[in-house]
Amino acid sequence: MKVLLQRSLAASVSVDQKVVGAIDHGLVLLVGIEPEDTEAVLSRMADKVLAYRVFSDAQGKMNLNVGEAGGGVLVISQFTLAADTRKGLRPSFSRAAPPAQAETLFARFVELLKARHDCIETGIFAADMKVSLTNDGPVTFLLEM
C-alpha cells in the first residue's frame, strides 16, 4: 500500500464537473492499493496517516496531526501509485491490485478512516477525477506499508 500524503490549505475532487468531495485545510491522500495489502495493512496505514505530525504547533514545528490541527482528510484512489517505473519509458501496472480487489480494499480503508476521524471526504473509485488542491508548504510524503 502506498499513500501520497499532502498537507493542503483547501482541496476538492470533481467528477463530470461536479464536486464529489472537498475539505478546507487538512490532508489529501492519494492511495495506491497493491495485491498483498491486507486488513492489517489498511488499519496500520489509517492509524499512521491520522497520527502523522505534519501541521505546525505554536513554535512553528511540525508537531500536530490532522486531528489536533482540526483538519479534514480527502481520500482519492490512485492506482498509478502502484506502478513499476524502474524500467523503460512506460509504467507497468502489474504491481497494482486488480480493480475488484482494489475497490474493496479502498472502501475498507475509507471505513477505517471514518471510524477514527470525523471529517473524511472521498472521490469516486475508478472515475475520471479532477483534483484541485493548494498544497501547503509544499508538504508531501510518500508512506508505504
N, C-alpha and C. Protein backbone atom coordinates (compact mmCIF):
# COMPACT_ATOMS: atom_id res chain seq x y z
N MET A 1 0.85 -1.17 0.00
CA MET A 1 0.00 0.00 0.00
C MET A 1 0.89 1.23 0.00
N LYS A 2 0.52 2.17 -0.84
CA LYS A 2 1.23 3.44 -0.89
C LYS A 2 0.22 4.57 -0.74
N VAL A 3 0.60 5.55 0.07
CA VAL A 3 -0.23 6.74 0.24
C VAL A 3 0.65 7.96 0.05
N LEU A 4 0.30 8.79 -0.91
CA LEU A 4 0.96 10.07 -1.08
C LEU A 4 0.15 11.07 -0.25
N LEU A 5 0.74 11.54 0.83
CA LEU A 5 0.08 12.43 1.78
C LEU A 5 0.52 13.85 1.51
N GLN A 6 -0.44 14.75 1.33
CA GLN A 6 -0.12 16.15 1.07
C GLN A 6 -0.88 17.03 2.05
N ARG A 7 -0.16 17.94 2.69
CA ARG A 7 -0.81 18.92 3.56
C ARG A 7 -1.41 19.99 2.66
N SER A 8 -2.67 20.31 2.90
CA SER A 8 -3.38 21.19 1.99
C SER A 8 -4.12 22.30 2.74
N LEU A 9 -4.17 23.46 2.10
CA LEU A 9 -4.98 24.57 2.64
C LEU A 9 -6.45 24.41 2.26
N ALA A 10 -6.69 23.79 1.11
CA ALA A 10 -8.05 23.50 0.62
C ALA A 10 -7.90 22.51 -0.52
N ALA A 11 -8.90 21.62 -0.65
CA ALA A 11 -8.83 20.63 -1.73
C ALA A 11 -10.22 20.15 -2.08
N SER A 12 -10.36 19.75 -3.34
CA SER A 12 -11.64 19.18 -3.79
C SER A 12 -11.38 18.20 -4.92
N VAL A 13 -12.34 17.32 -5.13
CA VAL A 13 -12.27 16.38 -6.24
C VAL A 13 -13.62 16.43 -6.95
N SER A 14 -13.55 16.49 -8.29
CA SER A 14 -14.75 16.59 -9.11
C SER A 14 -14.83 15.43 -10.09
N VAL A 15 -16.05 15.02 -10.39
CA VAL A 15 -16.33 14.02 -11.41
C VAL A 15 -17.43 14.60 -12.28
N ASP A 16 -17.23 14.61 -13.57
CA ASP A 16 -18.20 15.19 -14.50
C ASP A 16 -18.59 16.62 -14.10
N GLN A 17 -17.59 17.39 -13.73
CA GLN A 17 -17.74 18.81 -13.37
C GLN A 17 -18.59 19.04 -12.12
N LYS A 18 -18.77 18.00 -11.30
CA LYS A 18 -19.49 18.14 -10.04
C LYS A 18 -18.55 17.78 -8.89
N VAL A 19 -18.47 18.65 -7.89
CA VAL A 19 -17.62 18.37 -6.74
C VAL A 19 -18.26 17.22 -5.95
N VAL A 20 -17.46 16.16 -5.75
CA VAL A 20 -17.94 14.99 -5.01
C VAL A 20 -17.30 14.88 -3.63
N GLY A 21 -16.25 15.64 -3.39
CA GLY A 21 -15.60 15.66 -2.09
C GLY A 21 -14.76 16.91 -1.96
N ALA A 22 -14.76 17.51 -0.76
CA ALA A 22 -13.98 18.73 -0.54
C ALA A 22 -13.67 18.89 0.93
N ILE A 23 -12.51 19.49 1.20
CA ILE A 23 -12.12 19.84 2.56
C ILE A 23 -11.55 21.24 2.57
N ASP A 24 -11.55 21.85 3.74
CA ASP A 24 -10.77 23.06 3.93
C ASP A 24 -9.35 22.58 4.23
N HIS A 25 -8.69 23.12 5.22
CA HIS A 25 -7.32 22.66 5.48
C HIS A 25 -7.33 21.22 5.99
N GLY A 26 -6.23 20.53 5.69
CA GLY A 26 -6.12 19.15 6.13
C GLY A 26 -5.17 18.37 5.26
N LEU A 27 -5.54 17.11 5.00
CA LEU A 27 -4.69 16.21 4.23
C LEU A 27 -5.40 15.73 2.98
N VAL A 28 -4.65 15.62 1.91
CA VAL A 28 -5.10 14.93 0.71
C VAL A 28 -4.29 13.64 0.64
N LEU A 29 -4.99 12.51 0.54
CA LEU A 29 -4.35 11.20 0.46
C LEU A 29 -4.63 10.60 -0.90
N LEU A 30 -3.58 10.37 -1.68
CA LEU A 30 -3.69 9.62 -2.92
C LEU A 30 -3.27 8.19 -2.58
N VAL A 31 -4.16 7.23 -2.81
CA VAL A 31 -4.00 5.88 -2.28
C VAL A 31 -3.81 4.86 -3.40
N GLY A 32 -2.70 4.13 -3.34
CA GLY A 32 -2.43 3.03 -4.27
C GLY A 32 -2.50 1.71 -3.53
N ILE A 33 -3.37 0.83 -3.98
CA ILE A 33 -3.56 -0.48 -3.35
C ILE A 33 -2.78 -1.53 -4.15
N GLU A 34 -2.08 -2.40 -3.43
CA GLU A 34 -1.29 -3.46 -4.04
C GLU A 34 -1.88 -4.82 -3.67
N PRO A 35 -1.61 -5.86 -4.48
CA PRO A 35 -2.26 -7.16 -4.29
C PRO A 35 -2.06 -7.78 -2.90
N GLU A 36 -0.92 -7.52 -2.27
CA GLU A 36 -0.65 -8.15 -0.97
C GLU A 36 -1.22 -7.38 0.22
N ASP A 37 -1.91 -6.28 -0.02
CA ASP A 37 -2.46 -5.49 1.08
C ASP A 37 -3.55 -6.28 1.81
N THR A 38 -3.55 -6.15 3.13
CA THR A 38 -4.47 -6.87 4.00
C THR A 38 -5.19 -5.89 4.91
N GLU A 39 -6.15 -6.40 5.66
CA GLU A 39 -6.86 -5.60 6.66
C GLU A 39 -5.87 -4.99 7.65
N ALA A 40 -4.87 -5.76 8.05
CA ALA A 40 -3.88 -5.25 9.00
C ALA A 40 -3.09 -4.09 8.40
N VAL A 41 -2.72 -4.19 7.13
CA VAL A 41 -2.01 -3.11 6.45
C VAL A 41 -2.88 -1.86 6.39
N LEU A 42 -4.15 -2.04 6.01
CA LEU A 42 -5.06 -0.90 5.92
C LEU A 42 -5.21 -0.22 7.27
N SER A 43 -5.35 -1.00 8.33
CA SER A 43 -5.53 -0.45 9.67
C SER A 43 -4.29 0.32 10.13
N ARG A 44 -3.11 -0.27 9.89
CA ARG A 44 -1.87 0.42 10.27
C ARG A 44 -1.70 1.72 9.50
N MET A 45 -2.05 1.70 8.21
CA MET A 45 -1.93 2.92 7.41
C MET A 45 -2.92 3.97 7.87
N ALA A 46 -4.14 3.57 8.18
CA ALA A 46 -5.14 4.53 8.69
C ALA A 46 -4.62 5.19 9.97
N ASP A 47 -4.09 4.38 10.88
CA ASP A 47 -3.53 4.93 12.12
C ASP A 47 -2.38 5.89 11.81
N LYS A 48 -1.52 5.48 10.89
CA LYS A 48 -0.34 6.29 10.59
C LYS A 48 -0.70 7.64 9.98
N VAL A 49 -1.56 7.65 8.97
CA VAL A 49 -1.86 8.93 8.32
C VAL A 49 -2.56 9.90 9.27
N LEU A 50 -3.41 9.36 10.14
CA LEU A 50 -4.11 10.25 11.07
C LEU A 50 -3.22 10.73 12.21
N ALA A 51 -2.17 9.98 12.52
CA ALA A 51 -1.25 10.37 13.58
C ALA A 51 -0.03 11.13 13.06
N TYR A 52 0.17 11.13 11.73
CA TYR A 52 1.37 11.73 11.14
C TYR A 52 1.41 13.22 11.45
N ARG A 53 2.51 13.66 12.03
CA ARG A 53 2.62 15.04 12.51
C ARG A 53 3.21 15.94 11.42
N VAL A 54 2.33 16.60 10.67
CA VAL A 54 2.77 17.46 9.57
C VAL A 54 2.23 18.89 9.67
N PHE A 55 1.54 19.18 10.77
CA PHE A 55 0.99 20.53 10.96
C PHE A 55 1.79 21.24 12.05
N SER A 56 1.95 22.54 11.88
CA SER A 56 2.79 23.33 12.78
C SER A 56 2.12 23.59 14.12
N ASP A 57 2.94 23.51 15.16
CA ASP A 57 2.49 23.88 16.50
C ASP A 57 2.76 25.38 16.70
N ALA A 58 2.57 25.85 17.92
CA ALA A 58 2.74 27.28 18.21
C ALA A 58 4.18 27.76 17.97
N GLN A 59 5.14 26.84 18.01
CA GLN A 59 6.53 27.20 17.78
C GLN A 59 6.94 27.03 16.31
N GLY A 60 5.99 26.68 15.46
CA GLY A 60 6.28 26.53 14.04
C GLY A 60 6.89 25.20 13.65
N LYS A 61 6.89 24.22 14.57
CA LYS A 61 7.45 22.90 14.27
C LYS A 61 6.33 21.94 13.87
N MET A 62 6.64 21.02 12.95
CA MET A 62 5.65 20.03 12.54
C MET A 62 5.46 19.03 13.69
N ASN A 63 4.51 19.35 14.55
CA ASN A 63 4.27 18.54 15.75
C ASN A 63 2.83 18.11 15.90
N LEU A 64 1.92 18.57 15.04
CA LEU A 64 0.50 18.27 15.20
C LEU A 64 0.01 17.36 14.09
N ASN A 65 -0.89 16.45 14.45
CA ASN A 65 -1.52 15.61 13.43
C ASN A 65 -2.79 16.29 12.93
N VAL A 66 -3.46 15.69 11.98
CA VAL A 66 -4.62 16.32 11.35
C VAL A 66 -5.75 16.57 12.34
N GLY A 67 -5.95 15.67 13.29
CA GLY A 67 -6.99 15.87 14.30
C GLY A 67 -6.68 17.03 15.20
N GLU A 68 -5.43 17.10 15.66
CA GLU A 68 -5.01 18.20 16.54
C GLU A 68 -5.07 19.54 15.81
N ALA A 69 -4.89 19.52 14.49
CA ALA A 69 -4.93 20.74 13.69
C ALA A 69 -6.35 21.09 13.26
N GLY A 70 -7.32 20.21 13.56
CA GLY A 70 -8.71 20.47 13.19
C GLY A 70 -8.96 20.37 11.70
N GLY A 71 -8.21 19.51 11.02
CA GLY A 71 -8.33 19.42 9.57
C GLY A 71 -9.16 18.24 9.10
N GLY A 72 -9.52 18.31 7.83
CA GLY A 72 -10.23 17.22 7.17
C GLY A 72 -9.27 16.36 6.37
N VAL A 73 -9.80 15.26 5.82
CA VAL A 73 -9.00 14.35 5.01
C VAL A 73 -9.78 14.04 3.74
N LEU A 74 -9.15 14.29 2.60
CA LEU A 74 -9.72 13.95 1.30
C LEU A 74 -8.96 12.75 0.77
N VAL A 75 -9.68 11.63 0.55
CA VAL A 75 -9.06 10.36 0.18
C VAL A 75 -9.43 10.03 -1.26
N ILE A 76 -8.41 9.79 -2.09
CA ILE A 76 -8.63 9.56 -3.51
C ILE A 76 -7.86 8.31 -3.94
N SER A 77 -8.56 7.40 -4.59
CA SER A 77 -7.87 6.21 -5.10
C SER A 77 -7.00 6.60 -6.29
N GLN A 78 -5.78 6.04 -6.33
CA GLN A 78 -4.88 6.35 -7.43
C GLN A 78 -3.99 5.14 -7.70
N PHE A 79 -4.49 4.27 -8.58
CA PHE A 79 -3.77 3.03 -8.86
C PHE A 79 -2.40 3.28 -9.46
N THR A 80 -2.17 4.43 -10.07
CA THR A 80 -0.88 4.69 -10.70
C THR A 80 0.26 4.75 -9.68
N LEU A 81 -0.05 4.94 -8.39
CA LEU A 81 1.00 4.93 -7.37
C LEU A 81 1.66 3.56 -7.26
N ALA A 82 0.94 2.52 -7.64
CA ALA A 82 1.48 1.16 -7.56
C ALA A 82 2.26 0.78 -8.82
N ALA A 83 2.44 1.69 -9.72
CA ALA A 83 3.15 1.40 -10.97
C ALA A 83 4.60 1.07 -10.72
N ASP A 84 5.11 0.19 -11.56
CA ASP A 84 6.55 -0.12 -11.57
C ASP A 84 7.17 0.78 -12.64
N THR A 85 8.01 1.70 -12.22
CA THR A 85 8.62 2.67 -13.14
C THR A 85 10.13 2.49 -13.25
N ARG A 86 10.62 1.35 -12.78
CA ARG A 86 12.07 1.13 -12.75
C ARG A 86 12.69 0.96 -14.13
N LYS A 87 11.92 0.44 -15.09
CA LYS A 87 12.47 0.17 -16.42
C LYS A 87 11.66 0.88 -17.48
N GLY A 88 12.32 1.26 -18.54
CA GLY A 88 11.64 1.78 -19.71
C GLY A 88 11.00 3.13 -19.53
N LEU A 89 10.17 3.49 -20.49
CA LEU A 89 9.53 4.80 -20.51
C LEU A 89 8.02 4.70 -20.40
N ARG A 90 7.52 3.51 -20.12
CA ARG A 90 6.08 3.31 -19.96
C ARG A 90 5.88 2.55 -18.66
N PRO A 91 5.03 3.05 -17.76
CA PRO A 91 4.84 2.36 -16.48
C PRO A 91 4.13 1.01 -16.66
N SER A 92 4.49 0.08 -15.79
CA SER A 92 3.81 -1.21 -15.73
C SER A 92 2.90 -1.20 -14.51
N PHE A 93 1.69 -1.68 -14.67
CA PHE A 93 0.75 -1.69 -13.55
C PHE A 93 0.57 -3.08 -12.97
N SER A 94 1.54 -3.96 -13.22
CA SER A 94 1.46 -5.33 -12.71
C SER A 94 1.52 -5.38 -11.19
N ARG A 95 2.02 -4.34 -10.55
CA ARG A 95 2.12 -4.31 -9.09
C ARG A 95 0.88 -3.71 -8.44
N ALA A 96 -0.08 -3.24 -9.21
CA ALA A 96 -1.33 -2.71 -8.68
C ALA A 96 -2.32 -3.85 -8.46
N ALA A 97 -3.14 -3.71 -7.43
CA ALA A 97 -4.17 -4.73 -7.18
C ALA A 97 -5.18 -4.71 -8.32
N PRO A 98 -5.76 -5.87 -8.65
CA PRO A 98 -6.83 -5.90 -9.66
C PRO A 98 -7.98 -4.99 -9.21
N PRO A 99 -8.72 -4.41 -10.17
CA PRO A 99 -9.75 -3.43 -9.82
C PRO A 99 -10.74 -3.87 -8.74
N ALA A 100 -11.26 -5.08 -8.82
CA ALA A 100 -12.26 -5.52 -7.83
C ALA A 100 -11.66 -5.58 -6.42
N GLN A 101 -10.45 -6.11 -6.32
CA GLN A 101 -9.78 -6.17 -5.02
C GLN A 101 -9.44 -4.77 -4.52
N ALA A 102 -8.94 -3.94 -5.40
CA ALA A 102 -8.57 -2.57 -5.02
C ALA A 102 -9.79 -1.78 -4.55
N GLU A 103 -10.91 -1.94 -5.23
CA GLU A 103 -12.11 -1.21 -4.83
C GLU A 103 -12.57 -1.62 -3.44
N THR A 104 -12.56 -2.92 -3.18
CA THR A 104 -12.96 -3.43 -1.86
C THR A 104 -12.03 -2.92 -0.77
N LEU A 105 -10.72 -3.00 -1.02
CA LEU A 105 -9.75 -2.56 -0.01
C LEU A 105 -9.77 -1.05 0.17
N PHE A 106 -9.94 -0.31 -0.91
CA PHE A 106 -10.03 1.15 -0.79
C PHE A 106 -11.25 1.54 0.05
N ALA A 107 -12.39 0.91 -0.22
CA ALA A 107 -13.60 1.20 0.56
C ALA A 107 -13.39 0.88 2.03
N ARG A 108 -12.71 -0.22 2.31
CA ARG A 108 -12.44 -0.59 3.70
C ARG A 108 -11.50 0.41 4.35
N PHE A 109 -10.50 0.89 3.62
CA PHE A 109 -9.58 1.90 4.14
C PHE A 109 -10.35 3.17 4.52
N VAL A 110 -11.28 3.58 3.66
CA VAL A 110 -12.10 4.76 3.95
C VAL A 110 -12.95 4.52 5.21
N GLU A 111 -13.52 3.33 5.34
CA GLU A 111 -14.31 2.99 6.54
C GLU A 111 -13.45 3.12 7.80
N LEU A 112 -12.23 2.60 7.74
CA LEU A 112 -11.34 2.67 8.89
C LEU A 112 -11.00 4.11 9.25
N LEU A 113 -10.77 4.94 8.23
CA LEU A 113 -10.51 6.36 8.50
C LEU A 113 -11.72 7.03 9.12
N LYS A 114 -12.92 6.75 8.59
CA LYS A 114 -14.14 7.36 9.12
C LYS A 114 -14.41 6.95 10.57
N ALA A 115 -14.00 5.76 10.94
CA ALA A 115 -14.17 5.30 12.32
C ALA A 115 -13.23 6.02 13.27
N ARG A 116 -12.18 6.63 12.74
CA ARG A 116 -11.15 7.26 13.57
C ARG A 116 -11.14 8.79 13.49
N HIS A 117 -11.82 9.36 12.48
CA HIS A 117 -11.75 10.81 12.26
C HIS A 117 -13.10 11.30 11.72
N ASP A 118 -13.50 12.48 12.16
CA ASP A 118 -14.83 13.00 11.82
C ASP A 118 -14.99 13.48 10.38
N CYS A 119 -13.99 14.11 9.83
CA CYS A 119 -14.14 14.74 8.51
C CYS A 119 -13.34 13.99 7.45
N ILE A 120 -13.99 13.01 6.82
CA ILE A 120 -13.37 12.24 5.74
C ILE A 120 -14.22 12.43 4.49
N GLU A 121 -13.60 12.85 3.41
CA GLU A 121 -14.26 13.01 2.13
C GLU A 121 -13.52 12.14 1.12
N THR A 122 -14.20 11.74 0.04
CA THR A 122 -13.56 10.88 -0.95
C THR A 122 -13.94 11.30 -2.36
N GLY A 123 -13.17 10.75 -3.29
CA GLY A 123 -13.53 10.81 -4.69
C GLY A 123 -14.40 9.61 -5.00
N ILE A 124 -14.48 9.23 -6.26
CA ILE A 124 -15.26 8.06 -6.68
C ILE A 124 -14.28 7.07 -7.31
N PHE A 125 -14.26 5.87 -6.78
CA PHE A 125 -13.31 4.86 -7.23
C PHE A 125 -13.42 4.65 -8.74
N ALA A 126 -12.30 4.64 -9.42
CA ALA A 126 -12.15 4.37 -10.86
C ALA A 126 -12.80 5.41 -11.77
N ALA A 127 -13.25 6.51 -11.20
CA ALA A 127 -13.81 7.58 -12.03
C ALA A 127 -12.68 8.44 -12.58
N ASP A 128 -12.98 9.18 -13.64
CA ASP A 128 -12.05 10.17 -14.16
C ASP A 128 -12.23 11.41 -13.29
N MET A 129 -11.31 11.59 -12.35
CA MET A 129 -11.45 12.66 -11.35
C MET A 129 -10.52 13.82 -11.65
N LYS A 130 -10.96 14.98 -11.29
CA LYS A 130 -10.15 16.19 -11.36
C LYS A 130 -9.92 16.64 -9.92
N VAL A 131 -8.66 16.68 -9.53
CA VAL A 131 -8.31 17.03 -8.15
C VAL A 131 -7.72 18.43 -8.15
N SER A 132 -8.24 19.23 -7.26
CA SER A 132 -7.75 20.59 -7.09
C SER A 132 -7.30 20.76 -5.65
N LEU A 133 -6.07 21.25 -5.47
CA LEU A 133 -5.62 21.48 -4.10
C LEU A 133 -4.60 22.59 -4.06
N THR A 134 -4.54 23.21 -2.91
CA THR A 134 -3.49 24.16 -2.63
C THR A 134 -2.59 23.47 -1.62
N ASN A 135 -1.47 22.96 -2.11
CA ASN A 135 -0.52 22.25 -1.25
C ASN A 135 0.12 23.27 -0.34
N ASP A 136 0.09 23.01 0.95
CA ASP A 136 0.60 23.92 1.96
C ASP A 136 2.05 23.57 2.28
N GLY A 137 2.96 24.42 1.92
CA GLY A 137 4.37 24.23 2.24
C GLY A 137 5.28 24.39 1.04
N PRO A 138 5.31 23.52 0.10
CA PRO A 138 4.56 22.27 -0.03
C PRO A 138 5.09 21.20 0.94
N VAL A 139 4.15 20.47 1.52
CA VAL A 139 4.48 19.35 2.39
C VAL A 139 3.86 18.10 1.77
N THR A 140 4.71 17.16 1.35
CA THR A 140 4.26 15.93 0.70
C THR A 140 5.17 14.79 1.15
N PHE A 141 4.53 13.66 1.55
CA PHE A 141 5.27 12.48 1.96
C PHE A 141 4.68 11.25 1.29
N LEU A 142 5.56 10.32 0.90
CA LEU A 142 5.11 9.04 0.38
C LEU A 142 5.24 8.02 1.51
N LEU A 143 4.10 7.48 1.94
CA LEU A 143 4.07 6.47 3.01
C LEU A 143 3.84 5.12 2.36
N GLU A 144 4.62 4.13 2.79
CA GLU A 144 4.49 2.79 2.23
C GLU A 144 4.40 1.77 3.33
N MET A 145 3.61 0.73 3.08
CA MET A 145 3.48 -0.39 4.03
C MET A 145 3.69 -1.67 3.27
